[in-house]
């Protein structure tokens, strides 16, 4: 039954912004015990959770457990839903927090430390330009040092946006901020990376 609820409605094309609007309507009903509302909430959340888990755990050997982690996240969410209370942040922030804990648990269980940029593959952020993509896919010690030189917040945003391909809205929900703040932070972080990478590029030329 759980699998049916996850796949009965597949709003894969629904944007995070639209999902938030719909969730604002259905989450209070689900918390109150409305079974139909709970199924609707799960159907909306599952594609977003699945994408998040696959972004965090793949490609690589952990990709094979991403689907299980997504299902575990949904199960945990449905168990916790009756106790959910609106604290002023998006419901998706709450969802991504649960997913984040499940991802960490999965990594610990497999005794594998994942380096986000090394496991991320080619960036898929649709709003990044050629220079941004070059920074994101550059390999070797220099690239790691450049990214690690950023503040933890900026480093996380760069990885989520460029490496994991999350939208500004999804990143904002995961970090408990706004899409506008994410875009500003990304712009500043990439500016710092370009400035720090330029001397090495000039020297190589």
C-alpha atoms as a PDB file:
ATOM      1  CA  UNK A   1       0.000   0.000   0.000  1.00  0.00           C
ATOM      2  CA  UNK A   2       2.841   2.342   0.841  1.00  0.00           C
ATOM      3  CA  UNK A   3       4.352   1.890  -2.610  1.00  0.00           C
ATOM      4  CA  UNK A   4       0.977   2.571  -4.204  1.00  0.00           C
ATOM      5  CA  UNK A   5       0.628   5.797  -2.278  1.00  0.00           C
ATOM      6  CA  UNK A   6       4.053   6.927  -3.440  1.00  0.00           C
ATOM      7  CA  UNK A   7       3.371   6.226  -7.088  1.00  0.00           C
ATOM      8  CA  UNK A   8      -0.383   6.675  -7.437  1.00  0.00           C
ATOM      9  CA  UNK A   9       0.151  10.353  -8.223  1.00  0.00           C
ATOM     10  CA  UNK A  10       3.498  11.364  -9.662  1.00  0.00           C
ATOM     11  CA  UNK A  11       3.627  15.168  -9.845  1.00  0.00           C
ATOM     12  CA  UNK A  12       7.251  15.048 -11.003  1.00  0.00           C
ATOM     13  CA  UNK A  13       6.852  18.206 -13.022  1.00  0.00           C
ATOM     14  CA  UNK A  14       5.376  20.218 -10.126  1.00  0.00           C
ATOM     15  CA  UNK A  15       7.689  22.995  -9.028  1.00  0.00           C
ATOM     16  CA  UNK A  16       8.666  23.298  -5.361  1.00  0.00           C
ATOM     17  CA  UNK A  17       6.821  26.628  -5.208  1.00  0.00           C
ATOM     18  CA  UNK A  18       3.590  25.043  -6.440  1.00  0.00           C
ATOM     19  CA  UNK A  19       4.122  22.077  -4.127  1.00  0.00           C
ATOM     20  CA  UNK A  20       4.360  24.444  -1.173  1.00  0.00           C
ATOM     21  CA  UNK A  21       1.062  26.054  -2.097  1.00  0.00           C
ATOM     22  CA  UNK A  22      -0.717  22.711  -2.297  1.00  0.00           C
ATOM     23  CA  UNK A  23       0.901  21.462   0.887  1.00  0.00           C
ATOM     24  CA  UNK A  24      -0.263  24.564   2.740  1.00  0.00           C
ATOM     25  CA  UNK A  25      -3.797  23.371   2.018  1.00  0.00           C
ATOM     26  CA  UNK A  26      -3.408  19.649   2.700  1.00  0.00           C
ATOM     27  CA  UNK A  27      -0.889  19.399   5.548  1.00  0.00           C
ATOM     28  CA  UNK A  28      -3.228  20.786   8.255  1.00  0.00           C
ATOM     29  CA  UNK A  29      -5.873  18.253   7.208  1.00  0.00           C
ATOM     30  CA  UNK A  30      -3.341  15.442   7.258  1.00  0.00           C
ATOM     31  CA  UNK A  31      -2.152  16.447  10.729  1.00  0.00           C
ATOM     32  CA  UNK A  32      -5.789  16.358  11.859  1.00  0.00           C
ATOM     33  CA  UNK A  33      -6.028  12.726  10.734  1.00  0.00           C
ATOM     34  CA  UNK A  34      -7.571  13.035   7.269  1.00  0.00           C
ATOM     35  CA  UNK A  35      -6.346   9.887   5.471  1.00  0.00           C
ATOM     36  CA  UNK A  36      -7.006  11.240   1.986  1.00  0.00           C
ATOM     37  CA  UNK A  37      -5.032  14.381   2.847  1.00  0.00           C
ATOM     38  CA  UNK A  38      -2.136  12.274   4.143  1.00  0.00           C
ATOM     39  CA  UNK A  39      -1.995  10.353   0.873  1.00  0.00           C
ATOM     40  CA  UNK A  40      -2.054  13.582  -1.112  1.00  0.00           C
ATOM     41  CA  UNK A  41       0.765  15.030   0.999  1.00  0.00           C
ATOM     42  CA  UNK A  42       2.837  11.897   0.497  1.00  0.00           C
ATOM     43  CA  UNK A  43       2.212  11.872  -3.256  1.00  0.00           C
ATOM     44  CA  UNK A  44       3.419  15.472  -3.486  1.00  0.00           C
ATOM     45  CA  UNK A  45       6.434  15.053  -1.238  1.00  0.00           C
ATOM     46  CA  UNK A  46       7.765  11.723  -2.499  1.00  0.00           C
ATOM     47  CA  UNK A  47       9.179  12.911  -5.892  1.00  0.00           C
ATOM     48  CA  UNK A  48      10.987  15.775  -4.149  1.00  0.00           C
ATOM     49  CA  UNK A  49      12.380  13.487  -1.447  1.00  0.00           C
ATOM     50  CA  UNK A  50      13.440  10.922  -4.038  1.00  0.00           C
ATOM     51  CA  UNK A  51      15.283  13.541  -6.076  1.00  0.00           C
ATOM     52  CA  UNK A  52      16.994  14.841  -2.935  1.00  0.00           C
ATOM     53  CA  UNK A  53      18.121  11.371  -1.851  1.00  0.00           C
ATOM     54  CA  UNK A  54      19.429  10.458  -5.296  1.00  0.00           C
ATOM     55  CA  UNK A  55      21.290  13.770  -5.460  1.00  0.00           C
ATOM     56  CA  UNK A  56      22.897  13.200  -2.067  1.00  0.00           C
ATOM     57  CA  UNK A  57      23.704   9.504  -2.517  1.00  0.00           C
ATOM     58  CA  UNK A  58      24.530   9.107  -6.193  1.00  0.00           C
ATOM     59  CA  UNK A  59      26.147   8.507  -8.558  1.00  0.00           C
ATOM     60  CA  UNK A  60      28.340   5.909  -6.901  1.00  0.00           C
ATOM     61  CA  UNK A  61      27.854   2.829  -4.797  1.00  0.00           C
ATOM     62  CA  UNK A  62      25.373   4.540  -2.461  1.00  0.00           C
ATOM     63  CA  UNK A  63      23.010   5.274  -5.360  1.00  0.00           C
ATOM     64  CA  UNK A  64      21.611   1.779  -4.974  1.00  0.00           C
ATOM     65  CA  UNK A  65      20.275   2.628  -1.507  1.00  0.00           C
ATOM     66  CA  UNK A  66      18.822   6.033  -2.439  1.00  0.00           C
ATOM     67  CA  UNK A  67      15.405   4.596  -3.266  1.00  0.00           C
ATOM     68  CA  UNK A  68      15.273   2.819   0.089  1.00  0.00           C
ATOM     69  CA  UNK A  69      16.266   6.012   1.872  1.00  0.00           C
ATOM     70  CA  UNK A  70      13.509   7.926   0.086  1.00  0.00           C
ATOM     71  CA  UNK A  71      10.943   5.349   1.217  1.00  0.00           C
ATOM     72  CA  UNK A  72      12.304   5.391   4.767  1.00  0.00           C
ATOM     73  CA  UNK A  73      12.004   9.175   4.782  1.00  0.00           C
ATOM     74  CA  UNK A  74       8.369   8.980   3.698  1.00  0.00           C
ATOM     75  CA  UNK A  75       7.607   6.377   6.362  1.00  0.00           C
ATOM     76  CA  UNK A  76       9.240   8.535   9.019  1.00  0.00           C
ATOM     77  CA  UNK A  77       7.311  11.550   7.763  1.00  0.00           C
ATOM     78  CA  UNK A  78       3.966   9.765   7.951  1.00  0.00           C
ATOM     79  CA  UNK A  79       4.776   8.581  11.475  1.00  0.00           C
ATOM     80  CA  UNK A  80       5.751  12.079  12.589  1.00  0.00           C
ATOM     81  CA  UNK A  81       2.993  13.921  10.726  1.00  0.00           C
ATOM     82  CA  UNK A  82       0.376  13.821  13.536  1.00  0.00           C
ATOM     83  CA  UNK A  83       2.892  15.599  15.791  1.00  0.00           C
ATOM     84  CA  UNK A  84       3.875  18.220  13.231  1.00  0.00           C
ATOM     85  CA  UNK A  85       3.291  21.849  14.151  1.00  0.00           C
ATOM     86  CA  UNK A  86       3.929  24.887  11.997  1.00  0.00           C
ATOM     87  CA  UNK A  87       6.946  26.739  13.414  1.00  0.00           C
ATOM     88  CA  UNK A  88       6.917  29.434  10.750  1.00  0.00           C
ATOM     89  CA  UNK A  89       9.099  27.669   8.190  1.00  0.00           C
ATOM     90  CA  UNK A  90       8.059  25.739   5.106  1.00  0.00           C
ATOM     91  CA  UNK A  91       6.757  22.200   5.571  1.00  0.00           C
ATOM     92  CA  UNK A  92       9.325  21.135   2.974  1.00  0.00           C
ATOM     93  CA  UNK A  93      12.072  22.377   5.295  1.00  0.00           C
ATOM     94  CA  UNK A  94      10.756  19.865   7.832  1.00  0.00           C
ATOM     95  CA  UNK A  95      10.675  17.150   5.164  1.00  0.00           C
ATOM     96  CA  UNK A  96      14.219  17.826   3.979  1.00  0.00           C
ATOM     97  CA  UNK A  97      15.457  17.777   7.577  1.00  0.00           C
ATOM     98  CA  UNK A  98      14.097  14.234   7.975  1.00  0.00           C
ATOM     99  CA  UNK A  99      15.595  13.226   4.625  1.00  0.00           C
ATOM    100  CA  UNK A 100      18.941  14.715   5.588  1.00  0.00           C
ATOM    101  CA  UNK A 101      19.076  12.626   8.761  1.00  0.00           C
ATOM    102  CA  UNK A 102      18.197   9.487   6.802  1.00  0.00           C
ATOM    103  CA  UNK A 103      20.949  10.203   4.277  1.00  0.00           C
ATOM    104  CA  UNK A 104      23.493  10.596   7.083  1.00  0.00           C
ATOM    105  CA  UNK A 105      22.300   7.326   8.627  1.00  0.00           C
ATOM    106  CA  UNK A 106      22.698   5.562   5.282  1.00  0.00           C
ATOM    107  CA  UNK A 107      26.232   6.814   4.879  1.00  0.00           C
ATOM    108  CA  UNK A 108      27.157   5.713   8.370  1.00  0.00           C
ATOM    109  CA  UNK A 109      25.602   2.309   7.824  1.00  0.00           C
ATOM    110  CA  UNK A 110      27.775   1.712   4.782  1.00  0.00           C
ATOM    111  CA  UNK A 111      30.865   3.130   6.516  1.00  0.00           C
ATOM    112  CA  UNK A 112      31.558   5.323   3.545  1.00  0.00           C
ATOM    113  CA  UNK A 113      32.485   8.988   3.736  1.00  0.00           C
ATOM    114  CA  UNK A 114      31.106  10.710   0.672  1.00  0.00           C
ATOM    115  CA  UNK A 115      32.769  13.807  -0.720  1.00  0.00           C
ATOM    116  CA  UNK A 116      29.902  15.797  -2.312  1.00  0.00           C
ATOM    117  CA  UNK A 117      31.848  17.287  -5.221  1.00  0.00           C
ATOM    118  CA  UNK A 118      33.676  14.072  -6.011  1.00  0.00           C
ATOM    119  CA  UNK A 119      30.437  12.074  -6.121  1.00  0.00           C
ATOM    120  CA  UNK A 120      28.331  14.701  -7.792  1.00  0.00           C
ATOM    121  CA  UNK A 121      29.236  14.283 -11.444  1.00  0.00           C
ATOM    122  CA  UNK A 122      28.485  16.981 -13.972  1.00  0.00           C
ATOM    123  CA  UNK A 123      26.469  19.925 -12.601  1.00  0.00           C
ATOM    124  CA  UNK A 124      22.925  20.187 -13.869  1.00  0.00           C
ATOM    125  CA  UNK A 125      21.817  23.552 -12.477  1.00  0.00           C
ATOM    126  CA  UNK A 126      19.879  25.140 -15.375  1.00  0.00           C
ATOM    127  CA  UNK A 127      20.744  28.710 -14.342  1.00  0.00           C
ATOM    128  CA  UNK A 128      24.515  28.265 -14.182  1.00  0.00           C
ATOM    129  CA  UNK A 129      26.686  29.638 -16.959  1.00  0.00           C
ATOM    130  CA  UNK A 130      29.669  27.999 -18.675  1.00  0.00           C
ATOM    131  CA  UNK A 131      32.142  29.525 -16.210  1.00  0.00           C
ATOM    132  CA  UNK A 132      30.098  28.358 -13.229  1.00  0.00           C
ATOM    133  CA  UNK A 133      29.907  24.864 -14.693  1.00  0.00           C
ATOM    134  CA  UNK A 134      33.645  24.825 -15.316  1.00  0.00           C
ATOM    135  CA  UNK A 135      34.251  25.649 -11.665  1.00  0.00           C
ATOM    136  CA  UNK A 136      31.850  22.954 -10.534  1.00  0.00           C
ATOM    137  CA  UNK A 137      33.297  20.152 -12.667  1.00  0.00           C
ATOM    138  CA  UNK A 138      36.977  21.046 -12.322  1.00  0.00           C
ATOM    139  CA  UNK A 139      38.790  18.049 -10.848  1.00  0.00           C
ATOM    140  CA  UNK A 140      41.832  17.672  -8.652  1.00  0.00           C
ATOM    141  CA  UNK A 141      43.163  19.098  -5.441  1.00  0.00           C
ATOM    142  CA  UNK A 142      42.878  22.716  -6.582  1.00  0.00           C
ATOM    143  CA  UNK A 143      39.105  22.437  -7.088  1.00  0.00           C
ATOM    144  CA  UNK A 144      38.596  20.892  -3.643  1.00  0.00           C
ATOM    145  CA  UNK A 145      40.761  23.542  -2.023  1.00  0.00           C
ATOM    146  CA  UNK A 146      38.849  26.316  -3.768  1.00  0.00           C
ATOM    147  CA  UNK A 147      35.456  25.044  -2.634  1.00  0.00           C
ATOM    148  CA  UNK A 148      36.694  24.274   0.866  1.00  0.00           C
ATOM    149  CA  UNK A 149      37.932  27.861   1.149  1.00  0.00           C
ATOM    150  CA  UNK A 150      34.326  29.060   1.127  1.00  0.00           C
ATOM    151  CA  UNK A 151      32.312  29.503   4.281  1.00  0.00           C
ATOM    152  CA  UNK A 152      30.286  26.391   5.260  1.00  0.00           C
ATOM    153  CA  UNK A 153      27.039  28.076   4.179  1.00  0.00           C
ATOM    154  CA  UNK A 154      28.353  29.164   0.785  1.00  0.00           C
ATOM    155  CA  UNK A 155      30.024  25.803   0.215  1.00  0.00           C
ATOM    156  CA  UNK A 156      26.771  23.982   0.925  1.00  0.00           C
ATOM    157  CA  UNK A 157      24.789  26.214  -1.425  1.00  0.00           C
ATOM    158  CA  UNK A 158      27.296  25.808  -4.265  1.00  0.00           C
ATOM    159  CA  UNK A 159      27.238  22.023  -3.896  1.00  0.00           C
ATOM    160  CA  UNK A 160      23.441  21.813  -3.677  1.00  0.00           C
ATOM    161  CA  UNK A 161      22.843  24.125  -6.625  1.00  0.00           C
ATOM    162  CA  UNK A 162      25.613  23.207  -9.058  1.00  0.00           C
ATOM    163  CA  UNK A 163      26.575  19.681  -8.107  1.00  0.00           C
ATOM    164  CA  UNK A 164      23.270  18.212  -6.968  1.00  0.00           C
ATOM    165  CA  UNK A 165      21.158  20.227  -9.397  1.00  0.00           C
ATOM    166  CA  UNK A 166      18.672  21.442  -6.800  1.00  0.00           C
ATOM    167  CA  UNK A 167      16.612  24.517  -7.640  1.00  0.00           C
ATOM    168  CA  UNK A 168      16.881  27.709  -5.616  1.00  0.00           C
ATOM    169  CA  UNK A 169      13.493  26.935  -4.037  1.00  0.00           C
ATOM    170  CA  UNK A 170      14.505  23.380  -3.092  1.00  0.00           C
ATOM    171  CA  UNK A 171      17.801  24.609  -1.673  1.00  0.00           C
ATOM    172  CA  UNK A 172      15.990  27.281   0.308  1.00  0.00           C
ATOM    173  CA  UNK A 173      13.590  24.738   1.775  1.00  0.00           C
ATOM    174  CA  UNK A 174      16.436  22.414   2.695  1.00  0.00           C
ATOM    175  CA  UNK A 175      18.370  25.212   4.412  1.00  0.00           C
ATOM    176  CA  UNK A 176      15.449  27.070   5.933  1.00  0.00           C
ATOM    177  CA  UNK A 177      15.940  30.294   3.978  1.00  0.00           C
ATOM    178  CA  UNK A 178      14.493  31.998   0.881  1.00  0.00           C
ATOM    179  CA  UNK A 179      15.200  31.406  -2.827  1.00  0.00           C
ATOM    180  CA  UNK A 180      16.365  35.004  -3.138  1.00  0.00           C
ATOM    181  CA  UNK A 181      18.887  34.555  -0.329  1.00  0.00           C
ATOM    182  CA  UNK A 182      20.131  31.349  -1.968  1.00  0.00           C
ATOM    183  CA  UNK A 183      20.688  33.089  -5.310  1.00  0.00           C
ATOM    184  CA  UNK A 184      22.534  35.983  -3.658  1.00  0.00           C
ATOM    185  CA  UNK A 185      24.753  33.621  -1.681  1.00  0.00           C
ATOM    186  CA  UNK A 186      25.432  31.523  -4.783  1.00  0.00           C
ATOM    187  CA  UNK A 187      26.393  34.616  -6.777  1.00  0.00           C
ATOM    188  CA  UNK A 188      28.804  35.772  -4.069  1.00  0.00           C
ATOM    189  CA  UNK A 189      30.297  32.306  -3.617  1.00  0.00           C
ATOM    190  CA  UNK A 190      30.898  31.827  -7.339  1.00  0.00           C
ATOM    191  CA  UNK A 191      32.427  35.312  -7.525  1.00  0.00           C
ATOM    192  CA  UNK A 192      34.909  34.344  -4.840  1.00  0.00           C
ATOM    193  CA  UNK A 193      35.700  31.073  -6.610  1.00  0.00           C
ATOM    194  CA  UNK A 194      36.290  32.841  -9.931  1.00  0.00           C
ATOM    195  CA  UNK A 195      38.559  35.410  -8.277  1.00  0.00           C
ATOM    196  CA  UNK A 196      40.597  32.749  -6.485  1.00  0.00           C
ATOM    197  CA  UNK A 197      40.794  30.486  -9.531  1.00  0.00           C
ATOM    198  CA  UNK A 198      41.877  33.244 -11.954  1.00  0.00           C
ATOM    199  CA  UNK A 199      45.502  33.641 -10.798  1.00  0.00           C
ATOM    200  CA  UNK A 200      46.111  29.910 -11.221  1.00  0.00           C
ATOM    201  CA  UNK A 201      44.487  29.990 -14.670  1.00  0.00           C
ATOM    202  CA  UNK A 202      46.566  33.045 -15.692  1.00  0.00           C
ATOM    203  CA  UNK A 203      49.759  31.381 -14.509  1.00  0.00           C
ATOM    204  CA  UNK A 204      48.962  28.230 -16.459  1.00  0.00           C
ATOM    205  CA  UNK A 205      48.416  30.291 -19.596  1.00  0.00           C
END
